[in-house]
Amino acid sequence: MALPLIAVSTTDVFCRPGCPARAPRADHVERFASAHEALFAGYRQCLRCRPMERHGASVTPAQVRRAEGLRPILAAARQARARRSGAQAVVVRMLRTPLGPMLAGSTDDGICLLEFTDRPMLPTQLAVLQHRLGRSVVAGRHPHLDQLEGQLDEWFSGRRTTFDLPLVAPGTPFQERVWSVLRSLAPGETISYEELATRAGRPGAQRAAGTANGANRLAILVPCHRVVRKTGEVGNYGGGRWRKEWLIRHEAALQRSFQPPATRALQVPPEPFLLRREHHSR
């Protein structure tokens, strides 16, 4: 079935099929399954066909306000073409993934941002990042972002289990210890918030560890999705619980796939990598 919404990259507008506005060139068209996806890719609704009236039922007023506030940077990041220096700025691009668009940012020192564009904390994350680094955010291309895009493609397609990218993640001393623990986890490994606090040097401070985990600005690269509840429940995730479940399943499949054949033969055959775009109500 055809996707219902049509977005035009040259106008940053999304429409219903059959909109009375002049038809755009085919190479300027992008299609979306929902108004939510179009909004958080940096598009605004067409004022002639008003697609939100029919397709915006699942989008809350708070989400609309957040998307409107982010639209300038998301639209610029989606269309970024020019090479930018990261010496005095955070250079950002939008990257497409099977789980939705992500906003990626880098300085010349390394990747400093990778977050789903619809994450509620993204505006705060951008503000904290600018404060921590003392740099403005500009849309553009950067060698680190090109490398990140390639490694993410390999990871999502099941051809890579780890990343070898320079990272820039300034935080409080405790936050940085928590993030260091997360980076030490093996692909497919999960731990509880209690264990995370213990490994970060503050036994019993699982609530503080959870807060530090949630303040992570480098989704997937610093794998905060690997922290689950002590009961074994997946728990919450800034990018949405459905994404956390997907990421854990994907890493489990990766782990099995990259095991030596002799070891793998003793186990249940791995599931196929889950690369089909899943549509969930947000």
Protein backbone atom coordinates (compact mmCIF):
# COMPACT_ATOMS: atom_id res chain seq x y z
CA MET A 1 0.00 0.00 0.00
CA ALA A 2 1.35 3.43 -0.94
CA LEU A 3 2.45 5.71 1.84
CA PRO A 4 -0.19 8.38 2.40
CA LEU A 5 1.79 11.61 2.79
CA ILE A 6 3.97 13.39 0.25
CA ALA A 7 6.72 15.79 1.33
CA VAL A 8 8.50 18.23 -0.97
CA SER A 9 12.13 18.90 -0.09
CA THR A 10 12.30 22.24 -1.91
CA THR A 11 9.42 23.76 0.06
CA ASP A 12 9.70 21.79 3.35
CA VAL A 13 5.94 21.09 3.12
CA PHE A 14 4.07 17.79 3.36
CA CYS A 15 0.70 17.18 1.70
CA ARG A 16 -2.08 14.68 1.26
CA PRO A 17 -2.13 12.72 -1.99
CA GLY A 18 -4.18 14.68 -4.49
CA CYS A 19 -3.31 18.08 -3.01
CA PRO A 20 -4.49 20.84 -5.40
CA ALA A 21 -1.07 22.52 -5.28
CA ARG A 22 1.15 22.13 -8.35
CA ALA A 23 2.70 18.67 -8.52
CA PRO A 24 6.40 18.65 -7.51
CA ARG A 25 9.22 17.03 -9.43
CA ALA A 26 9.61 13.36 -8.57
CA ASP A 27 13.21 13.82 -7.36
CA HIS A 28 12.02 16.41 -4.82
CA VAL A 29 9.46 14.06 -3.24
CA GLU A 30 9.74 12.03 -0.04
CA ARG A 31 6.93 9.85 1.31
CA PHE A 32 5.91 9.30 4.91
CA ALA A 33 3.56 6.90 6.65
CA SER A 34 2.38 9.44 9.21
CA ALA A 35 2.27 13.13 10.03
CA HIS A 36 4.47 12.39 13.04
CA GLU A 37 7.28 11.15 10.79
CA ALA A 38 6.97 14.12 8.42
CA LEU A 39 6.98 16.67 11.25
CA PHE A 40 10.12 15.22 12.83
CA ALA A 41 11.89 15.12 9.49
CA GLY A 42 11.62 18.92 9.45
CA TYR A 43 8.50 19.38 7.30
CA ARG A 44 5.41 21.51 7.98
CA GLN A 45 1.88 20.83 6.85
CA CYS A 46 0.54 22.26 3.59
CA LEU A 47 -1.93 25.10 4.20
CA ARG A 48 -3.97 24.16 1.13
CA CYS A 49 -4.74 20.49 1.79
CA ARG A 50 -4.10 20.56 5.59
CA PRO A 51 -2.97 16.92 6.01
CA MET A 52 -2.92 17.20 9.81
CA GLU A 53 -6.72 17.31 9.81
CA ARG A 54 -6.83 13.76 8.48
CA HIS A 55 -3.47 12.26 9.41
CA GLY A 56 -2.54 14.10 12.60
CA ALA A 57 -4.78 12.34 15.11
CA SER A 58 -1.84 10.51 16.73
CA VAL A 59 0.26 13.68 17.10
CA THR A 60 -0.14 15.48 20.42
CA PRO A 61 -0.12 19.30 20.72
CA ALA A 62 3.15 19.02 22.68
CA GLN A 63 4.74 17.05 19.83
CA VAL A 64 3.55 19.63 17.29
CA ARG A 65 5.09 22.45 19.35
CA ARG A 66 8.36 20.56 19.72
CA ALA A 67 8.52 19.77 16.00
CA GLU A 68 7.86 23.41 15.16
CA GLY A 69 10.64 24.53 17.47
CA LEU A 70 13.08 22.03 15.94
CA ARG A 71 12.01 22.58 12.33
CA PRO A 72 14.70 25.14 11.37
CA ILE A 73 17.59 22.89 12.41
CA LEU A 74 15.92 19.66 11.23
CA ALA A 75 15.09 21.07 7.79
CA ALA A 76 18.61 22.44 7.40
CA ALA A 77 20.16 19.17 8.63
CA ARG A 78 18.01 17.15 6.22
CA GLN A 79 19.22 19.18 3.23
CA ALA A 80 22.82 19.67 4.38
CA ARG A 81 25.22 19.58 1.44
CA ALA A 82 28.08 21.98 2.18
CA ARG A 83 31.19 20.85 4.04
CA ARG A 84 31.60 22.60 7.38
CA SER A 85 34.47 22.91 9.82
CA GLY A 86 33.90 21.55 13.29
CA ALA A 87 36.71 23.61 14.80
CA GLN A 88 34.35 26.24 16.25
CA ALA A 89 30.92 24.70 15.71
CA VAL A 90 28.86 21.53 16.09
CA VAL A 91 28.10 20.37 12.54
CA VAL A 92 24.81 18.46 12.26
CA ARG A 93 23.22 16.25 9.61
CA MET A 94 20.06 14.16 9.52
CA LEU A 95 20.72 10.45 9.02
CA ARG A 96 18.07 7.96 7.88
CA THR A 97 17.76 4.71 9.82
CA PRO A 98 15.26 1.83 9.93
CA LEU A 99 14.03 3.29 13.24
CA GLY A 100 13.43 6.79 11.91
CA PRO A 101 15.57 9.87 11.28
CA MET A 102 18.37 10.72 13.67
CA LEU A 103 20.15 14.02 14.19
CA ALA A 104 23.92 13.52 14.22
CA GLY A 105 26.47 16.12 15.25
CA SER A 106 30.24 16.36 15.23
CA THR A 107 33.13 18.65 15.98
CA ASP A 108 36.60 18.15 14.52
CA ASP A 109 37.38 16.11 17.65
CA GLY A 110 34.61 13.54 17.16
CA ILE A 111 30.92 12.66 17.21
CA CYS A 112 29.08 14.54 19.96
CA LEU A 113 25.41 13.90 19.12
CA LEU A 114 23.30 11.05 17.78
CA GLU A 115 19.65 11.19 18.71
CA PHE A 116 16.24 10.33 17.29
CA THR A 117 14.63 13.52 16.04
CA ASP A 118 11.36 12.85 17.89
CA ARG A 119 12.98 12.28 21.28
CA PRO A 120 11.32 14.69 23.75
CA MET A 121 14.70 15.57 25.29
CA LEU A 122 16.34 16.58 22.00
CA PRO A 123 15.85 20.37 22.43
CA THR A 124 17.37 20.12 25.91
CA GLN A 125 20.20 17.94 24.62
CA LEU A 126 21.06 20.52 21.96
CA ALA A 127 21.08 23.32 24.54
CA VAL A 128 23.26 21.33 26.95
CA LEU A 129 25.66 20.40 24.17
CA GLN A 130 26.07 24.03 23.08
CA HIS A 131 26.65 25.06 26.69
CA ARG A 132 29.16 22.27 27.38
CA LEU A 133 31.17 22.87 24.22
CA GLY A 134 30.64 26.62 23.90
CA ARG A 135 29.82 26.26 20.20
CA SER A 136 26.88 27.02 17.96
CA VAL A 137 25.06 24.35 15.94
CA VAL A 138 25.24 24.58 12.13
CA ALA A 139 23.96 22.22 9.46
CA GLY A 140 26.46 20.71 7.07
CA ARG A 141 28.59 17.74 6.14
CA HIS A 142 31.69 16.59 8.01
CA PRO A 143 34.06 13.62 7.53
CA HIS A 144 33.16 12.20 10.96
CA LEU A 145 29.46 12.28 10.04
CA ASP A 146 30.13 10.54 6.73
CA GLN A 147 32.02 7.83 8.61
CA LEU A 148 29.21 7.54 11.15
CA GLU A 149 26.63 7.15 8.39
CA GLY A 150 28.61 4.29 6.84
CA GLN A 151 29.12 2.46 10.13
CA LEU A 152 25.46 2.85 11.11
CA ASP A 153 24.41 1.37 7.76
CA GLU A 154 26.70 -1.61 8.39
CA TRP A 155 25.40 -2.03 11.94
CA PHE A 156 21.74 -1.93 10.96
CA SER A 157 22.34 -4.34 8.09
CA GLY A 158 24.08 -6.87 10.36
CA ARG A 159 27.61 -6.42 9.02
CA ARG A 160 29.13 -4.76 12.12
CA THR A 161 28.79 -5.24 15.88
CA THR A 162 30.83 -2.30 17.20
CA PHE A 163 31.80 1.24 16.21
CA ASP A 164 35.29 2.74 15.97
CA LEU A 165 34.55 6.45 15.93
CA PRO A 166 36.03 9.27 18.02
CA LEU A 167 33.42 10.45 20.53
CA VAL A 168 33.03 13.74 22.40
CA ALA A 169 30.78 13.33 25.44
CA PRO A 170 31.35 15.96 28.13
CA GLY A 171 29.29 15.63 31.31
CA THR A 172 29.55 15.58 35.08
CA PRO A 173 32.13 13.18 36.54
CA PHE A 174 29.39 10.70 37.47
CA GLN A 175 27.72 10.94 34.06
CA GLU A 176 31.02 10.26 32.37
CA ARG A 177 31.64 7.20 34.57
CA VAL A 178 28.17 5.87 33.72
CA TRP A 179 28.75 6.41 30.00
CA SER A 180 32.13 4.71 30.26
CA VAL A 181 30.45 1.65 31.81
CA LEU A 182 27.92 1.61 28.96
CA ARG A 183 30.70 1.64 26.38
CA SER A 184 32.40 -1.28 28.13
CA LEU A 185 29.36 -3.56 27.69
CA ALA A 186 29.63 -6.25 25.06
CA PRO A 187 27.15 -6.24 22.15
CA GLY A 188 24.00 -8.03 23.30
CA GLU A 189 24.87 -7.66 27.00
CA THR A 190 22.30 -6.00 29.30
CA ILE A 191 22.62 -4.90 32.92
CA SER A 192 20.27 -3.52 35.56
CA TYR A 193 20.25 0.06 36.81
CA GLU A 194 21.48 -1.28 40.15
CA GLU A 195 24.47 -2.95 38.50
CA LEU A 196 25.14 0.19 36.45
CA ALA A 197 25.31 2.27 39.63
CA THR A 198 27.67 -0.25 41.25
CA ARG A 199 30.01 -0.36 38.26
CA ALA A 200 30.02 3.46 38.14
CA GLY A 201 31.22 3.59 41.76
CA ARG A 202 27.98 4.52 43.54
CA PRO A 203 26.30 1.33 44.82
CA GLY A 204 22.62 1.86 45.62
CA ALA A 205 22.36 5.00 43.48
CA GLN A 206 20.34 3.37 40.72
CA ARG A 207 18.06 6.38 40.36
CA ALA A 208 21.04 8.68 39.77
CA ALA A 209 22.49 6.11 37.37
CA GLY A 210 19.19 6.04 35.50
CA THR A 211 19.21 9.84 35.23
CA ALA A 212 22.77 9.81 33.91
CA ASN A 213 21.83 7.03 31.50
CA GLY A 214 18.94 9.14 30.20
CA ALA A 215 21.20 12.16 29.73
CA ASN A 216 23.28 10.28 27.14
CA ARG A 217 23.47 12.24 23.87
CA LEU A 218 24.97 9.42 21.78
CA ALA A 219 22.25 6.84 21.23
CA ILE A 220 23.47 3.43 19.98
CA LEU A 221 27.14 4.56 20.13
CA VAL A 222 26.95 4.83 23.93
CA PRO A 223 24.42 2.01 24.33
CA CYS A 224 22.04 3.27 27.00
CA HIS A 225 19.41 0.88 25.60
CA ARG A 226 21.33 -2.03 27.21
CA VAL A 227 20.21 -1.00 30.72
CA VAL A 228 17.03 -2.81 31.81
CA ARG A 229 15.05 -3.23 35.00
CA LYS A 230 16.19 -5.71 37.64
CA THR A 231 13.04 -7.75 36.95
CA GLY A 232 14.16 -8.23 33.35
CA GLU A 233 11.58 -5.83 31.95
CA VAL A 234 12.92 -3.60 29.19
CA GLY A 235 11.87 -0.36 30.90
CA ASN A 236 11.64 3.11 29.46
CA TYR A 237 13.79 4.66 26.75
CA GLY A 238 14.13 8.25 25.57
CA GLY A 239 13.56 7.24 21.97
CA GLY A 240 10.52 5.13 22.82
CA ARG A 241 10.21 1.66 24.35
CA TRP A 242 9.50 0.08 20.95
CA ARG A 243 12.91 1.25 19.73
CA LYS A 244 14.63 -0.12 22.84
CA GLU A 245 13.02 -3.52 22.29
CA TRP A 246 14.08 -3.44 18.63
CA LEU A 247 17.68 -2.54 19.49
CA ILE A 248 17.99 -5.31 22.09
CA ARG A 249 16.60 -7.89 19.65
CA HIS A 250 18.87 -6.66 16.89
CA GLU A 251 21.99 -6.87 19.05
CA ALA A 252 21.05 -10.36 20.21
CA ALA A 253 20.81 -11.42 16.55
CA LEU A 254 24.14 -9.72 15.81
CA GLN A 255 25.83 -11.52 18.68
CA ARG A 256 24.64 -14.91 17.48
CA SER A 257 25.56 -14.15 13.87
CA PHE A 258 29.15 -13.20 14.72
CA GLN A 259 29.84 -16.19 16.96
CA PRO A 260 32.31 -18.82 15.65
CA PRO A 261 30.50 -21.52 13.61
CA ALA A 262 31.30 -24.28 16.12
CA THR A 263 29.67 -22.29 18.92
CA ARG A 264 26.78 -21.07 16.80
CA ALA A 265 25.90 -24.64 15.74
CA LEU A 266 24.98 -25.48 19.34
CA GLN A 267 22.35 -22.76 19.50
CA VAL A 268 19.00 -22.00 17.93
CA PRO A 269 19.47 -20.45 14.47
CA PRO A 270 19.48 -16.63 14.70
CA GLU A 271 16.46 -14.57 13.77
CA PRO A 272 16.78 -12.53 10.58
CA PHE A 273 17.88 -8.98 11.14
CA LEU A 274 14.82 -6.83 11.72
CA LEU A 275 15.37 -4.16 9.10
CA ARG A 276 11.80 -3.71 7.92
CA ARG A 277 10.41 -0.31 8.93
CA GLU A 278 7.98 -0.93 11.78
CA HIS A 279 5.08 1.46 12.30
CA HIS A 280 4.04 1.99 15.89
CA SER A 281 1.67 4.45 17.47
CA ARG A 282 3.65 6.99 19.38
